[in-house]
C-alpha atoms as a PDB file:
ATOM      1  CA  MET A   1      -4.943 -16.760 -13.083  1.00  0.00           C
ATOM      2  CA  SER A   2      -1.809 -14.736 -13.739  1.00  0.00           C
ATOM      3  CA  SER A   3       1.085 -15.584 -11.427  1.00  0.00           C
ATOM      4  CA  GLU A   4       2.847 -12.258 -11.971  1.00  0.00           C
ATOM      5  CA  VAL A   5       2.452  -9.529  -9.343  1.00  0.00           C
ATOM      6  CA  ARG A   6       1.523  -6.483 -11.425  1.00  0.00           C
ATOM      7  CA  LYS A   7      -0.875  -4.512  -9.222  1.00  0.00           C
ATOM      8  CA  ALA A   8      -0.470  -2.793  -5.866  1.00  0.00           C
ATOM      9  CA  VAL A   9      -3.172  -1.550  -3.502  1.00  0.00           C
ATOM     10  CA  PHE A  10      -2.598   1.481  -1.273  1.00  0.00           C
ATOM     11  CA  PRO A  11      -5.207   1.843   1.495  1.00  0.00           C
ATOM     12  CA  ALA A  12      -5.317   5.607   2.070  1.00  0.00           C
ATOM     13  CA  GLY A  13      -8.743   6.390   3.453  1.00  0.00           C
ATOM     14  CA  GLY A  14      -7.841   6.964   7.115  1.00  0.00           C
ATOM     15  CA  LEU A  15      -8.449  10.212   8.972  1.00  0.00           C
ATOM     16  CA  GLY A  16      -4.883  10.736  10.222  1.00  0.00           C
ATOM     17  CA  THR A  17      -6.030  11.981  13.625  1.00  0.00           C
ATOM     18  CA  ARG A  18      -2.547  11.564  15.155  1.00  0.00           C
ATOM     19  CA  PHE A  19      -1.396  14.502  13.019  1.00  0.00           C
ATOM     20  CA  LEU A  20      -4.170  16.938  13.829  1.00  0.00           C
ATOM     21  CA  PRO A  21      -4.455  19.850  13.249  1.00  0.00           C
ATOM     22  CA  ALA A  22      -2.353  19.444  10.063  1.00  0.00           C
ATOM     23  CA  THR A  23      -4.585  16.634   8.792  1.00  0.00           C
ATOM     24  CA  LYS A  24      -7.796  18.594   9.241  1.00  0.00           C
ATOM     25  CA  VAL A  25      -7.500  19.612   5.577  1.00  0.00           C
ATOM     26  CA  ILE A  26      -4.399  17.718   4.365  1.00  0.00           C
ATOM     27  CA  PRO A  27      -4.504  13.906   3.988  1.00  0.00           C
ATOM     28  CA  LYS A  28      -1.851  12.326   6.188  1.00  0.00           C
ATOM     29  CA  GLU A  29      -0.547  10.521   3.097  1.00  0.00           C
ATOM     30  CA  MET A  30       0.330  13.941   1.647  1.00  0.00           C
ATOM     31  CA  LEU A  31       2.447  15.058   4.598  1.00  0.00           C
ATOM     32  CA  PRO A  32       6.023  15.487   3.343  1.00  0.00           C
ATOM     33  CA  VAL A  33       9.193  13.650   4.238  1.00  0.00           C
ATOM     34  CA  VAL A  34      11.699  16.270   3.055  1.00  0.00           C
ATOM     35  CA  ASP A  35      10.013  17.285  -0.218  1.00  0.00           C
ATOM     36  CA  LYS A  36       7.884  14.274  -1.181  1.00  0.00           C
ATOM     37  CA  PRO A  37       4.572  13.165   0.355  1.00  0.00           C
ATOM     38  CA  ILE A  38       4.831   9.885   2.198  1.00  0.00           C
ATOM     39  CA  ILE A  39       2.580   8.055  -0.273  1.00  0.00           C
ATOM     40  CA  GLN A  40       4.984   8.880  -3.121  1.00  0.00           C
ATOM     41  CA  TYR A  41       7.754   6.917  -1.432  1.00  0.00           C
ATOM     42  CA  GLY A  42       5.521   3.836  -1.508  1.00  0.00           C
ATOM     43  CA  VAL A  43       4.464   4.417  -5.123  1.00  0.00           C
ATOM     44  CA  GLU A  44       8.106   4.757  -6.184  1.00  0.00           C
ATOM     45  CA  GLU A  45       8.932   1.539  -4.291  1.00  0.00           C
ATOM     46  CA  ALA A  46       6.122  -0.285  -6.087  1.00  0.00           C
ATOM     47  CA  ILE A  47       7.254   0.937  -9.506  1.00  0.00           C
ATOM     48  CA  ALA A  48      10.857  -0.059  -8.757  1.00  0.00           C
ATOM     49  CA  SER A  49       9.522  -3.522  -7.847  1.00  0.00           C
ATOM     50  CA  GLY A  50       7.895  -4.034 -11.250  1.00  0.00           C
ATOM     51  CA  ILE A  51       4.340  -2.964 -10.401  1.00  0.00           C
ATOM     52  CA  GLU A  52       2.394  -1.712 -13.433  1.00  0.00           C
ATOM     53  CA  HIS A  53      -0.902  -0.560 -11.893  1.00  0.00           C
ATOM     54  CA  ILE A  54      -1.375   1.367  -8.621  1.00  0.00           C
ATOM     55  CA  ILE A  55      -4.819   1.275  -6.959  1.00  0.00           C
ATOM     56  CA  ILE A  56      -5.292   3.878  -4.234  1.00  0.00           C
ATOM     57  CA  ILE A  57      -8.229   3.451  -1.852  1.00  0.00           C
ATOM     58  CA  THR A  58      -9.344   6.921  -0.855  1.00  0.00           C
ATOM     59  CA  GLY A  59     -11.964   8.536   1.346  1.00  0.00           C
ATOM     60  CA  ARG A  60     -13.650  11.857   1.792  1.00  0.00           C
ATOM     61  CA  GLY A  61     -11.265  14.832   1.588  1.00  0.00           C
ATOM     62  CA  LYS A  62      -8.501  12.906  -0.195  1.00  0.00           C
ATOM     63  CA  GLY A  63      -8.708  14.704  -3.544  1.00  0.00           C
ATOM     64  CA  THR A  64      -5.264  16.260  -3.195  1.00  0.00           C
ATOM     65  CA  MET A  65      -3.726  12.805  -3.685  1.00  0.00           C
ATOM     66  CA  GLU A  66      -5.383  12.573  -7.087  1.00  0.00           C
ATOM     67  CA  ASP A  67      -4.239  16.088  -7.922  1.00  0.00           C
ATOM     68  CA  HIS A  68      -0.671  15.256  -6.867  1.00  0.00           C
ATOM     69  CA  PHE A  69      -0.358  12.357  -9.296  1.00  0.00           C
ATOM     70  CA  ASP A  70      -2.028  14.300 -12.122  1.00  0.00           C
ATOM     71  CA  HIS A  71      -0.777  16.966 -14.519  1.00  0.00           C
ATOM     72  CA  SER A  72      -0.814  20.543 -13.231  1.00  0.00           C
ATOM     73  CA  PHE A  73      -1.046  22.471 -16.475  1.00  0.00           C
ATOM     74  CA  GLU A  74      -0.880  25.911 -14.841  1.00  0.00           C
ATOM     75  CA  LEU A  75       2.207  24.988 -12.801  1.00  0.00           C
ATOM     76  CA  ASP A  76       3.943  23.309 -15.747  1.00  0.00           C
ATOM     77  CA  ALA A  77       3.237  26.274 -18.029  1.00  0.00           C
ATOM     78  CA  THR A  78       4.612  28.696 -15.447  1.00  0.00           C
ATOM     79  CA  LEU A  79       7.781  26.660 -14.907  1.00  0.00           C
ATOM     80  CA  GLU A  80       8.331  26.325 -18.655  1.00  0.00           C
ATOM     81  CA  ARG A  81       7.803  30.053 -19.206  1.00  0.00           C
ATOM     82  CA  ARG A  82      10.362  30.836 -16.495  1.00  0.00           C
ATOM     83  CA  GLY A  83      12.883  28.382 -17.910  1.00  0.00           C
ATOM     84  CA  LYS A  84      12.920  26.162 -14.814  1.00  0.00           C
ATOM     85  CA  GLN A  85      13.376  22.933 -16.714  1.00  0.00           C
ATOM     86  CA  ASP A  86      14.646  20.927 -13.716  1.00  0.00           C
ATOM     87  CA  LEU A  87      11.524  21.676 -11.673  1.00  0.00           C
ATOM     88  CA  LEU A  88       9.328  21.109 -14.732  1.00  0.00           C
ATOM     89  CA  ALA A  89      10.822  17.635 -15.090  1.00  0.00           C
ATOM     90  CA  VAL A  90      10.057  16.883 -11.429  1.00  0.00           C
ATOM     91  CA  SER A  91       6.432  17.981 -11.827  1.00  0.00           C
ATOM     92  CA  ARG A  92       5.890  16.001 -15.023  1.00  0.00           C
ATOM     93  CA  ASN A  93       7.588  12.891 -13.639  1.00  0.00           C
ATOM     94  CA  VAL A  94       5.146  12.729 -10.720  1.00  0.00           C
ATOM     95  CA  ALA A  95       2.223  12.878 -13.156  1.00  0.00           C
ATOM     96  CA  THR A  96       3.543  10.148 -15.443  1.00  0.00           C
ATOM     97  CA  MET A  97       5.327   7.750 -13.108  1.00  0.00           C
ATOM     98  CA  ALA A  98       2.559   5.160 -12.958  1.00  0.00           C
ATOM     99  CA  ARG A  99      -0.899   4.092 -14.066  1.00  0.00           C
ATOM    100  CA  ILE A 100      -3.032   4.975 -11.056  1.00  0.00           C
ATOM    101  CA  SER A 101      -6.686   4.219 -10.344  1.00  0.00           C
ATOM    102  CA  TYR A 102      -8.739   5.436  -7.400  1.00  0.00           C
ATOM    103  CA  VAL A 103     -11.519   3.723  -5.456  1.00  0.00           C
ATOM    104  CA  ARG A 104     -13.580   5.541  -2.820  1.00  0.00           C
ATOM    105  CA  GLN A 105     -14.034   3.671   0.462  1.00  0.00           C
ATOM    106  CA  LYS A 106     -17.347   5.243   1.432  1.00  0.00           C
ATOM    107  CA  ASP A 107     -17.397   3.846   4.961  1.00  0.00           C
ATOM    108  CA  PRO A 108     -14.284   3.489   7.168  1.00  0.00           C
ATOM    109  CA  LEU A 109     -14.774  -0.204   7.882  1.00  0.00           C
ATOM    110  CA  GLY A 110     -11.165  -1.233   8.441  1.00  0.00           C
ATOM    111  CA  LEU A 111      -8.061  -2.259   6.539  1.00  0.00           C
ATOM    112  CA  GLY A 112      -9.581  -5.512   5.304  1.00  0.00           C
ATOM    113  CA  HIS A 113     -12.539  -3.628   3.869  1.00  0.00           C
ATOM    114  CA  ALA A 114     -10.212  -1.120   2.198  1.00  0.00           C
ATOM    115  CA  VAL A 115      -8.324  -3.941   0.476  1.00  0.00           C
ATOM    116  CA  LEU A 116     -11.621  -5.548  -0.526  1.00  0.00           C
ATOM    117  CA  CYS A 117     -12.595  -2.305  -2.290  1.00  0.00           C
ATOM    118  CA  ALA A 118      -9.850  -3.058  -4.849  1.00  0.00           C
ATOM    119  CA  LYS A 119     -11.244  -6.459  -5.836  1.00  0.00           C
ATOM    120  CA  ASP A 120     -12.712  -5.404  -9.200  1.00  0.00           C
ATOM    121  CA  PHE A 121      -9.478  -3.687 -10.240  1.00  0.00           C
ATOM    122  CA  VAL A 122      -7.192  -6.529  -9.146  1.00  0.00           C
ATOM    123  CA  GLY A 123      -9.227  -9.405 -10.550  1.00  0.00           C
ATOM    124  CA  ASP A 124      -8.012 -12.985 -10.398  1.00  0.00           C
ATOM    125  CA  GLU A 125      -4.296 -12.421  -9.891  1.00  0.00           C
ATOM    126  CA  PRO A 126      -1.854 -11.968  -7.018  1.00  0.00           C
ATOM    127  CA  PHE A 127      -1.337  -8.423  -5.816  1.00  0.00           C
ATOM    128  CA  ALA A 128       0.599  -6.303  -3.364  1.00  0.00           C
ATOM    129  CA  VAL A 129      -0.644  -4.154  -0.502  1.00  0.00           C
ATOM    130  CA  LEU A 130       1.472  -1.228   0.722  1.00  0.00           C
ATOM    131  CA  LEU A 131       0.514   0.853   3.743  1.00  0.00           C
ATOM    132  CA  PRO A 132       1.644   4.425   2.998  1.00  0.00           C
ATOM    133  CA  ASP A 133       2.459   5.099   6.672  1.00  0.00           C
ATOM    134  CA  ASP A 134       5.359   2.653   6.458  1.00  0.00           C
ATOM    135  CA  VAL A 135       8.216   4.359   4.623  1.00  0.00           C
ATOM    136  CA  ILE A 136      10.988   1.830   3.984  1.00  0.00           C
ATOM    137  CA  ASP A 137      14.547   2.651   2.983  1.00  0.00           C
ATOM    138  CA  ALA A 138      16.168  -0.371   1.340  1.00  0.00           C
ATOM    139  CA  GLU A 139      18.860  -0.980  -1.263  1.00  0.00           C
ATOM    140  CA  VAL A 140      16.587  -3.562  -2.910  1.00  0.00           C
ATOM    141  CA  PRO A 141      12.996  -2.306  -2.613  1.00  0.00           C
ATOM    142  CA  CYS A 142      11.161  -4.083   0.182  1.00  0.00           C
ATOM    143  CA  LEU A 143       8.286  -5.052  -2.110  1.00  0.00           C
ATOM    144  CA  LYS A 144      10.715  -6.519  -4.666  1.00  0.00           C
ATOM    145  CA  GLN A 145      12.154  -8.694  -1.898  1.00  0.00           C
ATOM    146  CA  LEU A 146       8.650  -9.990  -1.080  1.00  0.00           C
ATOM    147  CA  ILE A 147       7.809 -10.622  -4.733  1.00  0.00           C
ATOM    148  CA  ASP A 148      10.995 -12.671  -5.117  1.00  0.00           C
ATOM    149  CA  VAL A 149       9.931 -14.837  -2.150  1.00  0.00           C
ATOM    150  CA  PHE A 150       6.402 -15.120  -3.584  1.00  0.00           C
ATOM    151  CA  ASP A 151       7.856 -16.354  -6.883  1.00  0.00           C
ATOM    152  CA  GLU A 152      10.081 -18.847  -5.062  1.00  0.00           C
ATOM    153  CA  LYS A 153       7.544 -20.193  -2.578  1.00  0.00           C
ATOM    154  CA  ASP A 154       4.281 -19.772  -4.514  1.00  0.00           C
ATOM    155  CA  GLY A 155       2.441 -18.426  -1.487  1.00  0.00           C
ATOM    156  CA  SER A 156       1.402 -15.149   0.094  1.00  0.00           C
ATOM    157  CA  VAL A 157       4.196 -13.219   1.801  1.00  0.00           C
ATOM    158  CA  LEU A 158       4.049 -10.704   4.650  1.00  0.00           C
ATOM    159  CA  ALA A 159       6.894  -8.323   5.440  1.00  0.00           C
ATOM    160  CA  THR A 160       8.158  -8.681   9.006  1.00  0.00           C
ATOM    161  CA  GLN A 161      10.713  -7.151  11.298  1.00  0.00           C
ATOM    162  CA  THR A 162      12.135  -8.537  14.512  1.00  0.00           C
ATOM    163  CA  VAL A 163      10.732  -6.737  17.557  1.00  0.00           C
ATOM    164  CA  GLU A 164      12.073  -7.602  20.989  1.00  0.00           C
ATOM    165  CA  GLY A 165      10.386  -6.876  24.313  1.00  0.00           C
ATOM    166  CA  PRO A 166       7.013  -5.299  25.174  1.00  0.00           C
ATOM    167  CA  ALA A 167       6.946  -3.256  21.935  1.00  0.00           C
ATOM    168  CA  ILE A 168       5.777  -6.438  20.172  1.00  0.00           C
ATOM    169  CA  SER A 169       2.297  -5.738  21.587  1.00  0.00           C
ATOM    170  CA  ALA A 170       1.795  -2.968  19.014  1.00  0.00           C
ATOM    171  CA  TYR A 171       1.943  -5.385  16.064  1.00  0.00           C
ATOM    172  CA  GLY A 172       0.375  -8.394  14.476  1.00  0.00           C
ATOM    173  CA  VAL A 173       2.751 -11.271  15.253  1.00  0.00           C
ATOM    174  CA  LEU A 174       3.437 -14.477  13.334  1.00  0.00           C
ATOM    175  CA  ALA A 175       3.467 -17.973  14.752  1.00  0.00           C
ATOM    176  CA  GLY A 176       5.553 -20.619  13.013  1.00  0.00           C
ATOM    177  CA  SER A 177       9.220 -21.348  12.414  1.00  0.00           C
ATOM    178  CA  PRO A 178      12.140 -20.084  10.302  1.00  0.00           C
ATOM    179  CA  ASP A 179      12.752 -21.809   6.979  1.00  0.00           C
ATOM    180  CA  PRO A 180      15.809 -24.091   7.333  1.00  0.00           C
ATOM    181  CA  ALA A 181      17.119 -22.980   3.923  1.00  0.00           C
ATOM    182  CA  ASN A 182      16.701 -19.243   4.544  1.00  0.00           C
ATOM    183  CA  PRO A 183      16.230 -17.843   8.070  1.00  0.00           C
ATOM    184  CA  ARG A 184      14.737 -14.632   6.665  1.00  0.00           C
ATOM    185  CA  ILE A 185      11.746 -16.676   5.465  1.00  0.00           C
ATOM    186  CA  TYR A 186       9.258 -17.652   8.171  1.00  0.00           C
ATOM    187  CA  ASN A 187       6.882 -20.575   7.648  1.00  0.00           C
ATOM    188  CA  CYS A 188       3.691 -19.168   9.098  1.00  0.00           C
ATOM    189  CA  THR A 189       1.193 -21.346  10.982  1.00  0.00           C
ATOM    190  CA  GLY A 190      -0.857 -18.552  12.549  1.00  0.00           C
ATOM    191  CA  MET A 191      -0.869 -14.947  13.704  1.00  0.00           C
ATOM    192  CA  VAL A 192      -1.984 -12.968  16.719  1.00  0.00           C
ATOM    193  CA  GLU A 193      -3.054  -9.324  16.567  1.00  0.00           C
ATOM    194  CA  LYS A 194      -1.375  -7.134  19.218  1.00  0.00           C
ATOM    195  CA  PRO A 195      -0.680  -9.869  21.795  1.00  0.00           C
ATOM    196  CA  LYS A 196       0.490  -9.235  25.307  1.00  0.00           C
ATOM    197  CA  PHE A 197       4.269  -9.491  25.494  1.00  0.00           C
ATOM    198  CA  GLU A 198       4.119 -12.761  27.411  1.00  0.00           C
ATOM    199  CA  ASP A 199       1.661 -14.247  24.895  1.00  0.00           C
ATOM    200  CA  ALA A 200       3.497 -13.278  21.681  1.00  0.00           C
ATOM    201  CA  PRO A 201       4.174 -16.443  19.626  1.00  0.00           C
ATOM    202  CA  SER A 202       7.412 -15.026  18.171  1.00  0.00           C
ATOM    203  CA  THR A 203       9.366 -11.821  17.636  1.00  0.00           C
ATOM    204  CA  GLN A 204       8.241 -11.616  13.998  1.00  0.00           C
ATOM    205  CA  ALA A 205       6.101  -8.466  13.728  1.00  0.00           C
ATOM    206  CA  ILE A 206       4.070  -7.779  10.578  1.00  0.00           C
ATOM    207  CA  VAL A 207       4.689  -4.411   8.903  1.00  0.00           C
ATOM    208  CA  GLY A 208       2.945  -2.658   6.027  1.00  0.00           C
ATOM    209  CA  ARG A 209       3.908  -4.701   2.966  1.00  0.00           C
ATOM    210  CA  TYR A 210       2.038  -7.773   1.709  1.00  0.00           C
ATOM    211  CA  VAL A 211       1.899  -9.934  -1.407  1.00  0.00           C
ATOM    212  CA  LEU A 212      -1.382 -11.858  -1.441  1.00  0.00           C
ATOM    213  CA  THR A 213      -3.222 -14.317  -3.637  1.00  0.00           C
ATOM    214  CA  PRO A 214      -6.681 -13.257  -4.899  1.00  0.00           C
ATOM    215  CA  ARG A 215      -8.380 -15.915  -2.757  1.00  0.00           C
ATOM    216  CA  VAL A 216      -8.109 -13.430   0.118  1.00  0.00           C
ATOM    217  CA  PHE A 217     -10.863 -11.301  -1.463  1.00  0.00           C
ATOM    218  CA  GLU A 218     -13.457 -14.072  -1.129  1.00  0.00           C
ATOM    219  CA  LEU A 219     -12.339 -14.728   2.419  1.00  0.00           C
ATOM    220  CA  LEU A 220     -12.579 -11.044   3.343  1.00  0.00           C
ATOM    221  CA  GLU A 221     -16.135 -11.023   1.961  1.00  0.00           C
ATOM    222  CA  GLN A 222     -16.914 -13.817   4.426  1.00  0.00           C
ATOM    223  CA  THR A 223     -15.113 -12.150   7.354  1.00  0.00           C
ATOM    224  CA  GLN A 224     -17.333 -10.838  10.110  1.00  0.00           C
ATOM    225  CA  PRO A 225     -16.634  -7.328  11.436  1.00  0.00           C
ATOM    226  CA  GLY A 226     -14.664  -7.257  14.670  1.00  0.00           C
ATOM    227  CA  ALA A 227     -14.081  -4.516  17.220  1.00  0.00           C
ATOM    228  CA  GLY A 228     -15.475  -1.174  16.113  1.00  0.00           C
ATOM    229  CA  GLY A 229     -17.366  -2.842  13.289  1.00  0.00           C
ATOM    230  CA  GLU A 230     -14.210  -3.131  11.190  1.00  0.00           C
ATOM    231  CA  ILE A 231     -13.134  -5.926   8.848  1.00  0.00           C
ATOM    232  CA  GLN A 232      -9.504  -6.738   9.597  1.00  0.00           C
ATOM    233  CA  LEU A 233      -7.016  -7.816   6.930  1.00  0.00           C
ATOM    234  CA  THR A 234      -5.375 -10.038   9.550  1.00  0.00           C
ATOM    235  CA  ASP A 235      -8.588 -12.062   9.871  1.00  0.00           C
ATOM    236  CA  GLY A 236      -8.699 -12.577   6.119  1.00  0.00           C
ATOM    237  CA  ILE A 237      -5.086 -13.788   6.098  1.00  0.00           C
ATOM    238  CA  LYS A 238      -5.812 -16.144   9.016  1.00  0.00           C
ATOM    239  CA  ALA A 239      -8.583 -17.694   6.926  1.00  0.00           C
ATOM    240  CA  LEU A 240      -6.209 -17.881   3.947  1.00  0.00           C
ATOM    241  CA  LEU A 241      -3.738 -19.820   6.099  1.00  0.00           C
ATOM    242  CA  LYS A 242      -6.254 -22.646   6.413  1.00  0.00           C
ATOM    243  CA  GLU A 243      -6.189 -23.137   2.634  1.00  0.00           C
ATOM    244  CA  GLU A 244      -2.778 -21.962   1.395  1.00  0.00           C
ATOM    245  CA  LYS A 245       0.771 -21.454   2.536  1.00  0.00           C
ATOM    246  CA  VAL A 246       1.631 -18.040   3.946  1.00  0.00           C
ATOM    247  CA  PHE A 247       5.152 -16.849   4.653  1.00  0.00           C
ATOM    248  CA  GLY A 248       6.749 -14.055   6.603  1.00  0.00           C
ATOM    249  CA  TYR A 249       9.904 -12.397   5.319  1.00  0.00           C
ATOM    250  CA  THR A 250      12.305 -10.334   7.384  1.00  0.00           C
ATOM    251  CA  PHE A 251      13.161  -7.733   4.772  1.00  0.00           C
ATOM    252  CA  ALA A 252      16.568  -6.062   4.471  1.00  0.00           C
ATOM    253  CA  GLY A 253      16.173  -2.337   5.059  1.00  0.00           C
ATOM    254  CA  LYS A 254      14.948   0.213   7.581  1.00  0.00           C
ATOM    255  CA  ARG A 255      11.295   0.975   8.270  1.00  0.00           C
ATOM    256  CA  PHE A 256      10.011   4.312   9.494  1.00  0.00           C
ATOM    257  CA  ASP A 257       6.539   4.556  10.992  1.00  0.00           C
ATOM    258  CA  ALA A 258       5.507   7.798   9.326  1.00  0.00           C
ATOM    259  CA  GLY A 259       2.044   7.465  10.835  1.00  0.00           C
ATOM    260  CA  ASP A 260       3.634   8.455  14.127  1.00  0.00           C
ATOM    261  CA  LYS A 261       5.022  11.931  14.814  1.00  0.00           C
ATOM    262  CA  PHE A 262       8.383  10.706  16.082  1.00  0.00           C
ATOM    263  CA  GLY A 263       8.681   8.218  13.219  1.00  0.00           C
ATOM    264  CA  MET A 264       7.953  11.023  10.751  1.00  0.00           C
ATOM    265  CA  LEU A 265      10.714  13.133  12.311  1.00  0.00           C
ATOM    266  CA  GLN A 266      13.160  10.215  12.106  1.00  0.00           C
ATOM    267  CA  ALA A 267      12.331   9.601   8.449  1.00  0.00           C
ATOM    268  CA  THR A 268      12.679  13.282   7.584  1.00  0.00           C
ATOM    269  CA  ILE A 269      16.100  13.565   9.223  1.00  0.00           C
ATOM    270  CA  GLU A 270      17.519  10.333   7.811  1.00  0.00           C
ATOM    271  CA  PHE A 271      16.286  10.890   4.262  1.00  0.00           C
ATOM    272  CA  ALA A 272      17.485  14.504   4.389  1.00  0.00           C
ATOM    273  CA  LEU A 273      20.968  13.386   5.477  1.00  0.00           C
ATOM    274  CA  LYS A 274      21.209  11.324   2.271  1.00  0.00           C
ATOM    275  CA  ARG A 275      20.473  14.296   0.032  1.00  0.00           C
ATOM    276  CA  PRO A 276      23.686  15.497  -1.655  1.00  0.00           C
ATOM    277  CA  GLU A 277      22.528  19.118  -1.958  1.00  0.00           C
ATOM    278  CA  PHE A 278      22.184  19.684   1.799  1.00  0.00           C
ATOM    279  CA  GLY A 279      23.018  16.468   3.661  1.00  0.00           C
ATOM    280  CA  ASP A 280      26.447  17.682   4.788  1.00  0.00           C
ATOM    281  CA  ASP A 281      25.055  21.019   5.961  1.00  0.00           C
ATOM    282  CA  LEU A 282      22.325  19.292   7.933  1.00  0.00           C
ATOM    283  CA  ARG A 283      24.832  16.899   9.514  1.00  0.00           C
ATOM    284  CA  ALA A 284      27.015  19.816  10.598  1.00  0.00           C
ATOM    285  CA  TYR A 285      23.962  21.642  11.959  1.00  0.00           C
ATOM    286  CA  LEU A 286      22.856  18.634  14.012  1.00  0.00           C
ATOM    287  CA  LYS A 287      26.357  18.173  15.446  1.00  0.00           C
ATOM    288  CA  ASN A 288      26.391  21.788  16.645  1.00  0.00           C
ATOM    289  CA  LEU A 289      23.041  21.675  18.403  1.00  0.00           C
ATOM    290  CA  PRO A 290      23.296  22.036  22.205  1.00  0.00           C
ATOM    291  CA  LEU A 291      21.945  18.555  22.925  1.00  0.00           C
END
């Protein structure tokens, strides 16, 4: 078994109903934050973290994702003919940025099932999972931070953020204790999916980045469907905990929940403010709004 994390799985088969009517014909993963679809932010993060092979789990109506990461010969020819070399470079870069494979999840049977669909591509080696809805802005890519912990601890790693108060009930939550040598690392002993505030075992909420050992595939195959007939990734990781060490890691950076309308607006504004070509103009515009 290789110990190097070289492959990343992107579950992207969901319906995106929170963004209807836009997602009636456009996959939610293709909705833009400024001028890039949200899934591209995750792909760029994976590449910057040393990932060599991207595996996107798709569903019905998701063909535009494949088109996005492919060559558009008509567009490229038009841009070249018009002398728009800067835009041509952008188009070609998207098509060549990574080795990408696609797997169709024929039935929407949950996140655990989506990850399981990648088993044949991943094989017997550790791998990453990135949820496209979570757009993370970090000086050191969030996934690279997790891979560094995986290399140090030799165990699966889940990205976490500290969530105080009743909002913790919207997350999977870790049980365990901080590592004495590094308080960002959390020695996990269990996890609870969306607990009541008073029952939450900690303030360590799981967000959409994981580095997992391949043993989780076999455990997901043995996992019984839960509510709604879905196979949950959390249940597979709980089973993994009985055999191997699992760690949480409070990453350095800022997460935007781009699967939520308000989170998408926040991400769009904050990423736009960092753009040199119009960030200052946008900042001045926001300051002059009659708020």
